[in-house]
């Protein structure tokens, strides 16, 4: 812990409420984050948009409701889906799939039949129409370039977790098996066996890992996704897939323990101390580590790493509830300098991932 910040349940709840208020009112009023994809305009920041930053935020807010009973959190999530579904869903891609994870949990709790067609149609799109790489991996196709034959870390969080949850919820075994396959394919091509860390991407067009970057936010998607998939699929302790995933996760956490900066944060290039420290990845790492501890997947000794990260994150939250030192959206880089030069600003996924992290921390007080 830190001498100047004493973590308490009240302090964490106070910060969660501040973060949620900021997240759910954030707007790009100047059009600074309005991206143009061949005439298709995509707002990369505002809360009212259906995309992955909001998907991660919805999941964090809904988890807050499930753990604390915060009725306001439930209202925020339900209202968001009511408004977005009324507007009409966006084009399907790896990132716009992200909100379906929360929608699946919402259906599980509310049994609102309106949600079922969306769950079914989006999952069927993944199974039948989503672009594939060699070896049948899910291609990381977004609004921008097709990213032909590319595997990215992000895909497991944004698309595979929703597919697994929908499969479990609707009793669709083919979705569950597909989710397992995608984890195995991504581990095969993205995990560095020497360090336990993950490369940002892989291309079958040349068979390489681009800059061989251990990009922090890309890595954090795995720290989150592995405990999540084990819980979603309710894998028993003797299940080979569960054992394999936990071994994969612990290898990464061991490496992270050695690379954490004095501030408690991690550098945007994990193994490069000259790169800046980055808050959103730190929140993702702390969440995944805390959840893995709470579920008994990894040893409690790793709690000290998560606690240092929480102290560091508390120092990054300003009076408006914006999380500082968050890197902007990051494509695939061919050089390590590409990652070091990515800009920083307050982005919704900074708040989203920190809400997720702090909500999981509350379990430590139970």
Foldseek 3Di string as FASTA:
>chain_A
DDPVDDDDLVVLVVLLVLLLVCLQQDDPPPCPQFDQAPNDTARQFHCLGQWQLVLLQLVLLVLLCVQPVPVVSVVSNVVSCVVQVVVPQDDDFLTSQSNLLNLLVVCVVPVPVVSVVVLVVNLVCQVPPQDAAPVGARARQDSHDRNHQKDFLCSLNRPLLSLLLSCLSVVPVVSNVVSLVNVVVLCVQFADPVQLAGQGMFGPPVTDSQASFSFLQSRLSLLQNLLSSCVSNVDDPPDPSNVVSLVSNVSHLVNQVVQQDPQLFAFRRSVDPVAHGAQLSLLSNLLSVLSCVVVVSDDPVSNVSSVSSLNSQVVQQDPSSFGWRHFPDDDRHNHPVSRSPGDTDGGSSSSSSNSSNSSSVSVVVD
